[in-house]
N, C-alpha and C. Protein backbone atom coordinates (compact mmCIF):
# COMPACT_ATOMS: atom_id res chain seq x y z
N MET A 1 1.05 -19.92 -7.32
CA MET A 1 1.39 -18.60 -7.85
C MET A 1 1.61 -18.75 -9.35
N TYR A 2 1.26 -17.73 -10.08
CA TYR A 2 1.36 -17.76 -11.54
C TYR A 2 2.65 -17.06 -12.01
N ASP A 3 3.13 -17.51 -13.15
CA ASP A 3 4.25 -16.85 -13.80
C ASP A 3 3.64 -16.14 -15.01
N PHE A 4 3.49 -14.81 -14.91
CA PHE A 4 2.84 -14.05 -15.93
C PHE A 4 3.82 -13.62 -17.02
N GLU A 5 3.28 -13.45 -18.22
CA GLU A 5 4.05 -12.83 -19.30
C GLU A 5 3.17 -11.71 -19.82
N PHE A 6 3.66 -10.48 -19.60
CA PHE A 6 2.90 -9.30 -20.00
C PHE A 6 3.37 -8.76 -21.35
N GLU A 7 2.47 -8.11 -22.04
CA GLU A 7 2.86 -7.46 -23.30
C GLU A 7 3.86 -6.36 -22.99
N GLU A 8 3.65 -5.63 -21.91
CA GLU A 8 4.55 -4.54 -21.53
C GLU A 8 5.65 -5.10 -20.65
N THR A 9 6.88 -4.98 -21.06
CA THR A 9 8.03 -5.51 -20.32
C THR A 9 8.09 -4.92 -18.91
N ALA A 10 7.81 -3.62 -18.77
CA ALA A 10 7.88 -2.98 -17.48
C ALA A 10 6.90 -3.61 -16.48
N MET A 11 5.76 -4.05 -16.96
CA MET A 11 4.79 -4.71 -16.07
C MET A 11 5.32 -6.06 -15.62
N GLY A 12 6.01 -6.77 -16.48
CA GLY A 12 6.62 -8.03 -16.10
C GLY A 12 7.72 -7.82 -15.07
N THR A 13 8.51 -6.77 -15.22
CA THR A 13 9.53 -6.45 -14.22
C THR A 13 8.89 -6.13 -12.89
N TRP A 14 7.85 -5.34 -12.91
CA TRP A 14 7.12 -4.99 -11.69
C TRP A 14 6.57 -6.24 -11.00
N ALA A 15 5.92 -7.08 -11.77
CA ALA A 15 5.31 -8.30 -11.19
C ALA A 15 6.41 -9.21 -10.58
N MET A 16 7.50 -9.35 -11.29
CA MET A 16 8.59 -10.23 -10.80
C MET A 16 9.22 -9.66 -9.54
N LEU A 17 9.46 -8.35 -9.49
CA LEU A 17 10.00 -7.73 -8.27
C LEU A 17 9.05 -7.94 -7.09
N ARG A 18 7.78 -7.67 -7.34
CA ARG A 18 6.79 -7.77 -6.25
C ARG A 18 6.65 -9.21 -5.75
N GLN A 19 6.54 -10.13 -6.69
CA GLN A 19 6.37 -11.53 -6.28
C GLN A 19 7.62 -12.07 -5.54
N THR A 20 8.79 -11.63 -6.02
CA THR A 20 10.04 -12.06 -5.38
C THR A 20 10.10 -11.52 -3.98
N TRP A 21 9.84 -10.23 -3.79
CA TRP A 21 9.90 -9.66 -2.47
C TRP A 21 8.90 -10.30 -1.55
N ILE A 22 7.69 -10.54 -1.99
CA ILE A 22 6.65 -11.15 -1.16
C ILE A 22 7.09 -12.56 -0.76
N ALA A 23 7.63 -13.35 -1.68
CA ALA A 23 8.10 -14.70 -1.39
C ALA A 23 9.24 -14.70 -0.39
N VAL A 24 10.21 -13.80 -0.57
CA VAL A 24 11.35 -13.70 0.38
C VAL A 24 10.85 -13.29 1.75
N ASN A 25 9.99 -12.29 1.81
CA ASN A 25 9.50 -11.82 3.10
C ASN A 25 8.66 -12.90 3.80
N LYS A 26 7.84 -13.63 3.04
CA LYS A 26 7.02 -14.70 3.64
C LYS A 26 7.92 -15.81 4.17
N ALA A 27 8.99 -16.15 3.45
CA ALA A 27 9.91 -17.16 3.93
C ALA A 27 10.56 -16.68 5.24
N ALA A 28 10.94 -15.39 5.30
CA ALA A 28 11.54 -14.87 6.52
C ALA A 28 10.53 -14.90 7.66
N GLU A 29 9.27 -14.51 7.39
CA GLU A 29 8.25 -14.54 8.43
C GLU A 29 8.06 -15.93 9.02
N VAL A 30 7.98 -16.92 8.16
CA VAL A 30 7.74 -18.30 8.61
C VAL A 30 8.91 -18.80 9.45
N LYS A 31 10.13 -18.58 8.99
CA LYS A 31 11.32 -19.06 9.67
C LYS A 31 11.55 -18.30 10.99
N LEU A 32 11.39 -17.01 10.98
CA LEU A 32 11.63 -16.19 12.18
C LEU A 32 10.53 -16.41 13.23
N ALA A 33 9.32 -16.73 12.82
CA ALA A 33 8.23 -16.99 13.77
C ALA A 33 8.59 -18.13 14.69
N LYS A 34 9.41 -19.05 14.23
CA LYS A 34 9.81 -20.22 15.06
C LYS A 34 10.64 -19.79 16.28
N VAL A 35 11.26 -18.61 16.22
CA VAL A 35 12.01 -18.11 17.38
C VAL A 35 11.31 -16.90 18.02
N GLY A 36 10.08 -16.62 17.58
CA GLY A 36 9.30 -15.55 18.19
C GLY A 36 9.58 -14.16 17.66
N LEU A 37 10.08 -14.08 16.41
CA LEU A 37 10.41 -12.78 15.82
C LEU A 37 9.66 -12.59 14.51
N THR A 38 9.53 -11.33 14.12
CA THR A 38 9.07 -10.95 12.78
C THR A 38 10.31 -10.43 12.05
N PRO A 39 10.25 -10.34 10.70
CA PRO A 39 11.40 -9.76 10.00
C PRO A 39 11.76 -8.36 10.48
N GLU A 40 10.76 -7.57 10.82
CA GLU A 40 11.00 -6.18 11.27
C GLU A 40 11.71 -6.18 12.62
N LYS A 41 11.22 -7.01 13.55
CA LYS A 41 11.86 -7.06 14.88
C LYS A 41 13.28 -7.60 14.76
N ALA A 42 13.47 -8.63 13.95
CA ALA A 42 14.81 -9.17 13.79
C ALA A 42 15.78 -8.14 13.22
N ALA A 43 15.31 -7.34 12.26
CA ALA A 43 16.16 -6.33 11.68
C ALA A 43 16.55 -5.23 12.70
N VAL A 44 15.59 -4.84 13.52
CA VAL A 44 15.89 -3.85 14.56
C VAL A 44 16.85 -4.41 15.58
N LEU A 45 16.60 -5.66 16.02
CA LEU A 45 17.51 -6.24 16.99
C LEU A 45 18.94 -6.40 16.43
N TRP A 46 19.04 -6.78 15.17
CA TRP A 46 20.34 -6.92 14.50
C TRP A 46 21.05 -5.56 14.53
N ALA A 47 20.32 -4.51 14.19
CA ALA A 47 20.90 -3.17 14.21
C ALA A 47 21.31 -2.78 15.64
N CYS A 48 20.46 -3.07 16.61
CA CYS A 48 20.77 -2.74 18.01
C CYS A 48 22.04 -3.46 18.47
N ARG A 49 22.18 -4.69 18.05
CA ARG A 49 23.31 -5.46 18.49
C ARG A 49 24.62 -5.04 17.82
N ASP A 50 24.58 -4.75 16.53
CA ASP A 50 25.81 -4.63 15.73
C ASP A 50 26.16 -3.22 15.28
N TYR A 51 25.25 -2.26 15.41
CA TYR A 51 25.54 -0.92 14.95
C TYR A 51 26.52 -0.25 15.88
N THR A 52 27.54 0.40 15.33
CA THR A 52 28.60 0.97 16.18
C THR A 52 28.34 2.39 16.65
N GLY A 53 27.45 3.11 16.02
CA GLY A 53 27.15 4.49 16.42
C GLY A 53 26.04 4.56 17.46
N THR A 54 25.66 5.80 17.78
CA THR A 54 24.52 6.02 18.65
C THR A 54 23.25 5.62 17.90
N LEU A 55 22.48 4.74 18.46
CA LEU A 55 21.32 4.24 17.77
C LEU A 55 20.06 4.97 18.27
N THR A 56 19.51 5.80 17.40
CA THR A 56 18.29 6.54 17.67
C THR A 56 17.17 5.95 16.85
N PRO A 57 15.92 6.21 17.18
CA PRO A 57 14.81 5.74 16.38
C PRO A 57 14.97 6.18 14.89
N ALA A 58 15.41 7.43 14.68
CA ALA A 58 15.58 7.91 13.30
C ALA A 58 16.66 7.12 12.55
N GLU A 59 17.74 6.80 13.30
CA GLU A 59 18.82 6.05 12.64
C GLU A 59 18.36 4.61 12.32
N ILE A 60 17.55 4.03 13.20
CA ILE A 60 17.02 2.70 12.92
C ILE A 60 16.14 2.75 11.65
N ALA A 61 15.31 3.80 11.55
CA ALA A 61 14.45 3.96 10.36
C ALA A 61 15.30 4.00 9.10
N ARG A 62 16.42 4.73 9.14
CA ARG A 62 17.30 4.78 7.95
C ARG A 62 17.96 3.44 7.67
N LEU A 63 18.39 2.76 8.71
CA LEU A 63 19.09 1.48 8.54
C LEU A 63 18.18 0.43 7.97
N VAL A 64 16.93 0.36 8.42
CA VAL A 64 16.03 -0.67 7.93
C VAL A 64 15.06 -0.17 6.83
N PHE A 65 15.28 1.07 6.41
CA PHE A 65 14.56 1.65 5.27
C PHE A 65 13.03 1.66 5.53
N ARG A 66 12.67 2.24 6.70
CA ARG A 66 11.25 2.34 7.08
C ARG A 66 10.96 3.77 7.49
N GLU A 67 9.70 4.12 7.54
CA GLU A 67 9.24 5.44 7.97
C GLU A 67 9.45 5.59 9.48
N ASN A 68 9.73 6.84 9.92
CA ASN A 68 9.93 7.07 11.34
C ASN A 68 8.75 6.62 12.19
N GLN A 69 7.55 6.94 11.74
CA GLN A 69 6.36 6.58 12.54
C GLN A 69 6.18 5.06 12.60
N THR A 70 6.55 4.34 11.56
CA THR A 70 6.50 2.88 11.59
C THR A 70 7.46 2.32 12.64
N ILE A 71 8.65 2.89 12.69
CA ILE A 71 9.66 2.48 13.66
C ILE A 71 9.20 2.81 15.07
N ALA A 72 8.57 3.96 15.25
CA ALA A 72 8.07 4.35 16.59
C ALA A 72 7.09 3.31 17.12
N GLY A 73 6.16 2.91 16.29
CA GLY A 73 5.19 1.88 16.71
C GLY A 73 5.84 0.55 16.97
N LEU A 74 6.79 0.17 16.12
CA LEU A 74 7.51 -1.09 16.29
C LEU A 74 8.31 -1.08 17.59
N LEU A 75 8.99 0.04 17.88
CA LEU A 75 9.76 0.18 19.12
C LEU A 75 8.84 0.12 20.35
N ASN A 76 7.66 0.69 20.24
CA ASN A 76 6.68 0.61 21.33
C ASN A 76 6.37 -0.83 21.66
N ARG A 77 6.07 -1.62 20.59
CA ARG A 77 5.76 -3.02 20.80
C ARG A 77 6.94 -3.82 21.34
N MET A 78 8.14 -3.53 20.80
CA MET A 78 9.32 -4.25 21.21
C MET A 78 9.71 -3.91 22.68
N GLU A 79 9.44 -2.66 23.06
CA GLU A 79 9.73 -2.28 24.42
C GLU A 79 8.77 -2.99 25.39
N LYS A 80 7.50 -3.09 25.01
CA LYS A 80 6.52 -3.80 25.85
C LYS A 80 6.89 -5.28 26.00
N GLU A 81 7.50 -5.84 24.97
CA GLU A 81 7.93 -7.25 24.98
C GLU A 81 9.28 -7.43 25.69
N GLY A 82 9.91 -6.34 26.09
CA GLY A 82 11.18 -6.43 26.78
C GLY A 82 12.39 -6.68 25.90
N LEU A 83 12.28 -6.39 24.60
CA LEU A 83 13.36 -6.64 23.65
C LEU A 83 14.33 -5.47 23.57
N VAL A 84 13.81 -4.26 23.70
CA VAL A 84 14.64 -3.04 23.66
C VAL A 84 14.16 -2.09 24.75
N THR A 85 14.97 -1.12 25.03
CA THR A 85 14.61 -0.06 25.94
C THR A 85 15.01 1.26 25.32
N ARG A 86 14.24 2.28 25.54
CA ARG A 86 14.61 3.60 25.06
C ARG A 86 15.13 4.45 26.23
N VAL A 87 16.29 5.03 26.02
CA VAL A 87 16.90 5.90 27.02
C VAL A 87 16.52 7.31 26.64
N PRO A 88 15.74 8.01 27.50
CA PRO A 88 15.27 9.35 27.13
C PRO A 88 16.41 10.34 26.93
N LYS A 89 16.07 11.41 26.25
CA LYS A 89 17.05 12.51 26.06
C LYS A 89 17.57 12.96 27.41
N ARG A 90 18.85 13.26 27.45
CA ARG A 90 19.44 13.75 28.68
C ARG A 90 20.53 14.73 28.35
N LYS A 91 21.03 15.41 29.34
CA LYS A 91 22.07 16.41 29.12
C LYS A 91 23.26 15.82 28.38
N GLY A 92 23.64 16.49 27.33
CA GLY A 92 24.75 16.02 26.50
C GLY A 92 24.37 14.99 25.48
N HIS A 93 23.15 14.49 25.54
CA HIS A 93 22.61 13.49 24.58
C HIS A 93 21.27 14.02 24.08
N PRO A 94 21.27 14.74 22.96
CA PRO A 94 20.04 15.40 22.53
C PRO A 94 18.99 14.46 21.93
N PHE A 95 19.28 13.17 21.82
CA PHE A 95 18.33 12.27 21.19
C PHE A 95 18.01 11.09 22.10
N THR A 96 16.82 10.52 21.93
CA THR A 96 16.50 9.27 22.61
C THR A 96 17.33 8.16 21.99
N GLU A 97 17.93 7.37 22.81
CA GLU A 97 18.75 6.24 22.31
C GLU A 97 17.95 4.95 22.50
N VAL A 98 18.22 4.00 21.62
CA VAL A 98 17.60 2.69 21.71
C VAL A 98 18.68 1.68 22.08
N LYS A 99 18.42 0.90 23.11
CA LYS A 99 19.36 -0.13 23.58
C LYS A 99 18.67 -1.49 23.58
N ILE A 100 19.44 -2.50 23.26
CA ILE A 100 18.93 -3.86 23.29
C ILE A 100 18.96 -4.36 24.72
N THR A 101 17.97 -5.14 25.10
CA THR A 101 17.93 -5.73 26.46
C THR A 101 18.56 -7.13 26.40
N SER A 102 18.73 -7.75 27.55
CA SER A 102 19.30 -9.12 27.56
C SER A 102 18.34 -10.08 26.89
N LYS A 103 17.05 -9.89 27.01
CA LYS A 103 16.09 -10.73 26.30
C LYS A 103 16.24 -10.54 24.78
N GLY A 104 16.39 -9.28 24.35
CA GLY A 104 16.59 -9.00 22.93
C GLY A 104 17.88 -9.64 22.43
N GLU A 105 18.94 -9.58 23.23
CA GLU A 105 20.24 -10.19 22.87
C GLU A 105 20.06 -11.69 22.63
N ARG A 106 19.30 -12.35 23.54
CA ARG A 106 19.13 -13.79 23.41
C ARG A 106 18.40 -14.17 22.13
N LEU A 107 17.48 -13.33 21.67
CA LEU A 107 16.73 -13.62 20.44
C LEU A 107 17.48 -13.20 19.18
N THR A 108 18.42 -12.24 19.30
CA THR A 108 19.10 -11.74 18.13
C THR A 108 19.94 -12.81 17.45
N GLY A 109 20.68 -13.58 18.23
CA GLY A 109 21.55 -14.62 17.63
C GLY A 109 20.77 -15.57 16.73
N PRO A 110 19.73 -16.23 17.28
CA PRO A 110 18.95 -17.12 16.39
C PRO A 110 18.32 -16.38 15.20
N GLY A 111 17.84 -15.17 15.46
CA GLY A 111 17.22 -14.39 14.36
C GLY A 111 18.20 -14.09 13.23
N VAL A 112 19.39 -13.68 13.61
CA VAL A 112 20.44 -13.38 12.62
C VAL A 112 20.86 -14.65 11.87
N GLU A 113 20.98 -15.75 12.58
CA GLU A 113 21.35 -17.01 11.91
C GLU A 113 20.26 -17.43 10.90
N ILE A 114 19.00 -17.24 11.25
CA ILE A 114 17.92 -17.53 10.31
C ILE A 114 18.03 -16.65 9.08
N TYR A 115 18.26 -15.35 9.32
CA TYR A 115 18.43 -14.42 8.20
C TYR A 115 19.60 -14.82 7.31
N LYS A 116 20.74 -15.14 7.91
CA LYS A 116 21.92 -15.51 7.15
C LYS A 116 21.66 -16.75 6.30
N GLY A 117 20.99 -17.74 6.89
CA GLY A 117 20.64 -18.93 6.12
C GLY A 117 19.73 -18.62 4.94
N LEU A 118 18.72 -17.79 5.21
CA LEU A 118 17.80 -17.38 4.16
C LEU A 118 18.54 -16.63 3.04
N ILE A 119 19.41 -15.73 3.42
CA ILE A 119 20.14 -14.90 2.44
C ILE A 119 21.09 -15.79 1.63
N LYS A 120 21.82 -16.68 2.31
CA LYS A 120 22.73 -17.58 1.59
C LYS A 120 21.97 -18.50 0.64
N GLY A 121 20.83 -18.99 1.11
CA GLY A 121 20.02 -19.84 0.24
C GLY A 121 19.52 -19.10 -0.98
N LEU A 122 19.04 -17.90 -0.78
CA LEU A 122 18.54 -17.08 -1.88
C LEU A 122 19.68 -16.78 -2.88
N ALA A 123 20.80 -16.36 -2.34
CA ALA A 123 21.95 -15.96 -3.19
C ALA A 123 22.58 -17.14 -3.91
N SER A 124 22.41 -18.33 -3.37
CA SER A 124 23.05 -19.52 -3.97
C SER A 124 22.54 -19.80 -5.37
N GLY A 125 21.39 -19.23 -5.73
CA GLY A 125 20.82 -19.41 -7.06
C GLY A 125 21.51 -18.56 -8.13
N LEU A 126 22.41 -17.66 -7.68
CA LEU A 126 23.07 -16.77 -8.62
C LEU A 126 24.59 -16.80 -8.37
N SER A 127 25.37 -16.62 -9.43
CA SER A 127 26.80 -16.50 -9.29
C SER A 127 27.11 -15.15 -8.63
N VAL A 128 28.32 -14.98 -8.17
CA VAL A 128 28.73 -13.70 -7.58
C VAL A 128 28.58 -12.58 -8.60
N GLU A 129 28.96 -12.85 -9.84
CA GLU A 129 28.81 -11.83 -10.89
C GLU A 129 27.35 -11.49 -11.13
N GLU A 130 26.48 -12.50 -11.16
CA GLU A 130 25.06 -12.23 -11.35
C GLU A 130 24.48 -11.44 -10.16
N GLN A 131 24.95 -11.73 -8.95
CA GLN A 131 24.49 -10.99 -7.78
C GLN A 131 24.91 -9.51 -7.88
N LYS A 132 26.14 -9.27 -8.30
CA LYS A 132 26.62 -7.90 -8.45
C LYS A 132 25.83 -7.18 -9.51
N GLN A 133 25.51 -7.83 -10.60
CA GLN A 133 24.72 -7.21 -11.69
C GLN A 133 23.30 -6.91 -11.20
N LEU A 134 22.73 -7.84 -10.45
CA LEU A 134 21.37 -7.62 -9.90
C LEU A 134 21.39 -6.43 -8.92
N GLN A 135 22.39 -6.36 -8.07
CA GLN A 135 22.49 -5.23 -7.14
C GLN A 135 22.61 -3.92 -7.90
N LYS A 136 23.41 -3.91 -8.97
CA LYS A 136 23.56 -2.71 -9.78
C LYS A 136 22.21 -2.29 -10.38
N SER A 137 21.48 -3.24 -10.93
CA SER A 137 20.18 -2.95 -11.51
C SER A 137 19.16 -2.47 -10.47
N LEU A 138 19.19 -3.11 -9.32
CA LEU A 138 18.23 -2.72 -8.27
C LEU A 138 18.57 -1.34 -7.70
N ARG A 139 19.87 -0.97 -7.64
CA ARG A 139 20.22 0.38 -7.20
C ARG A 139 19.61 1.42 -8.14
N VAL A 140 19.67 1.15 -9.44
CA VAL A 140 19.09 2.07 -10.43
C VAL A 140 17.61 2.21 -10.18
N LEU A 141 16.91 1.08 -10.00
CA LEU A 141 15.47 1.14 -9.79
C LEU A 141 15.09 1.83 -8.45
N ARG A 142 15.87 1.53 -7.41
CA ARG A 142 15.64 2.15 -6.12
C ARG A 142 15.80 3.68 -6.26
N GLN A 143 16.86 4.12 -6.91
CA GLN A 143 17.09 5.55 -7.07
C GLN A 143 16.00 6.23 -7.88
N LYS A 144 15.50 5.52 -8.90
CA LYS A 144 14.42 6.05 -9.72
C LYS A 144 13.16 6.30 -8.85
N MET A 145 12.85 5.35 -8.02
CA MET A 145 11.68 5.49 -7.13
C MET A 145 11.91 6.58 -6.11
N LEU A 146 13.10 6.67 -5.54
CA LEU A 146 13.38 7.75 -4.56
C LEU A 146 13.29 9.10 -5.25
N ASP A 147 13.76 9.20 -6.50
CA ASP A 147 13.65 10.47 -7.22
C ASP A 147 12.16 10.82 -7.42
N ASP A 148 11.36 9.81 -7.77
CA ASP A 148 9.93 10.06 -7.99
C ASP A 148 9.26 10.51 -6.70
N LEU A 149 9.77 10.04 -5.57
CA LEU A 149 9.18 10.42 -4.26
C LEU A 149 9.84 11.67 -3.72
N HIS A 150 10.81 12.21 -4.42
CA HIS A 150 11.57 13.38 -3.95
C HIS A 150 12.25 13.11 -2.62
N MET A 151 12.77 11.89 -2.50
CA MET A 151 13.48 11.45 -1.29
C MET A 151 14.94 11.27 -1.65
N GLU A 152 15.78 11.46 -0.64
CA GLU A 152 17.20 11.28 -0.82
C GLU A 152 17.64 10.09 0.02
N LEU A 153 18.44 9.21 -0.59
CA LEU A 153 18.98 8.08 0.12
C LEU A 153 20.19 8.55 0.91
N ASP A 154 20.15 8.36 2.22
CA ASP A 154 21.32 8.74 3.03
C ASP A 154 22.46 7.85 2.62
N LYS A 155 23.57 8.48 2.26
CA LYS A 155 24.73 7.72 1.78
C LYS A 155 25.40 6.98 2.91
N GLN A 156 25.48 7.59 4.08
CA GLN A 156 26.11 6.93 5.23
C GLN A 156 25.72 7.73 6.48
N PRO A 157 25.86 7.08 7.67
CA PRO A 157 25.60 7.81 8.89
C PRO A 157 26.51 9.02 9.05
N LYS A 158 26.05 10.00 9.80
CA LYS A 158 26.82 11.26 9.92
C LYS A 158 28.22 11.05 10.46
N ASP A 159 28.42 10.10 11.35
CA ASP A 159 29.75 9.89 11.94
C ASP A 159 30.56 8.81 11.20
N TYR A 160 30.14 8.46 9.97
CA TYR A 160 30.81 7.44 9.20
C TYR A 160 31.72 8.12 8.19
N PRO A 161 32.90 7.56 7.88
CA PRO A 161 33.82 8.20 6.94
C PRO A 161 33.17 8.46 5.58
N PRO A 162 33.26 9.69 5.06
CA PRO A 162 32.65 10.05 3.79
C PRO A 162 33.15 9.15 2.62
N GLY A 163 32.26 8.81 1.74
CA GLY A 163 32.60 8.04 0.54
C GLY A 163 32.84 6.55 0.78
N LYS A 164 32.65 6.09 2.00
CA LYS A 164 32.82 4.67 2.29
C LYS A 164 31.46 4.00 2.38
N PRO A 165 31.33 2.80 1.83
CA PRO A 165 30.07 2.08 2.02
C PRO A 165 29.93 1.67 3.49
N ILE A 166 28.70 1.55 3.93
CA ILE A 166 28.45 1.14 5.31
C ILE A 166 28.76 -0.34 5.42
N ARG A 167 29.73 -0.68 6.24
CA ARG A 167 30.12 -2.06 6.42
C ARG A 167 29.22 -2.73 7.46
N VAL A 168 28.74 -3.89 7.17
CA VAL A 168 27.86 -4.61 8.06
C VAL A 168 28.52 -5.92 8.46
N LYS A 169 28.50 -6.23 9.75
CA LYS A 169 29.07 -7.46 10.24
C LYS A 169 28.29 -8.64 9.62
N TRP A 170 28.99 -9.67 9.25
CA TRP A 170 28.33 -10.87 8.73
C TRP A 170 28.67 -11.97 9.61
């Protein structure tokens, strides 16, 4: 892989963001493949295992920052593999719910541990202060792109206390 230096600083920022994401995602793919998961499946299983609210396909899409139709296809594949099951709409429950199966539970632990190791390894290259600064900068860039797409970032799930960040088990 090349380390480019562009005349336009914005192009260098774009290239660095893209190369970094591709490298991180490829590392996750390689490590998770050893336990039979993809990054997408591992993220859905993690959400299924640890999310405290009612988990619908739309909520999964928001949690893992993917399009609804992408999640629908992923859930179809995961259901065929016996990792999750969808509970159809029923009286008093206006939405289809997604539940993790025992097979999905067995794979979630190793998948989450792989993710944690990858995340810790990645973050170890930066101090806590540098990580916070990077998060701040990335929030600005994310919001800029969402504004350009005329999309709104959901601040928190509907049943979550207003003004509180979404806490995730570690």
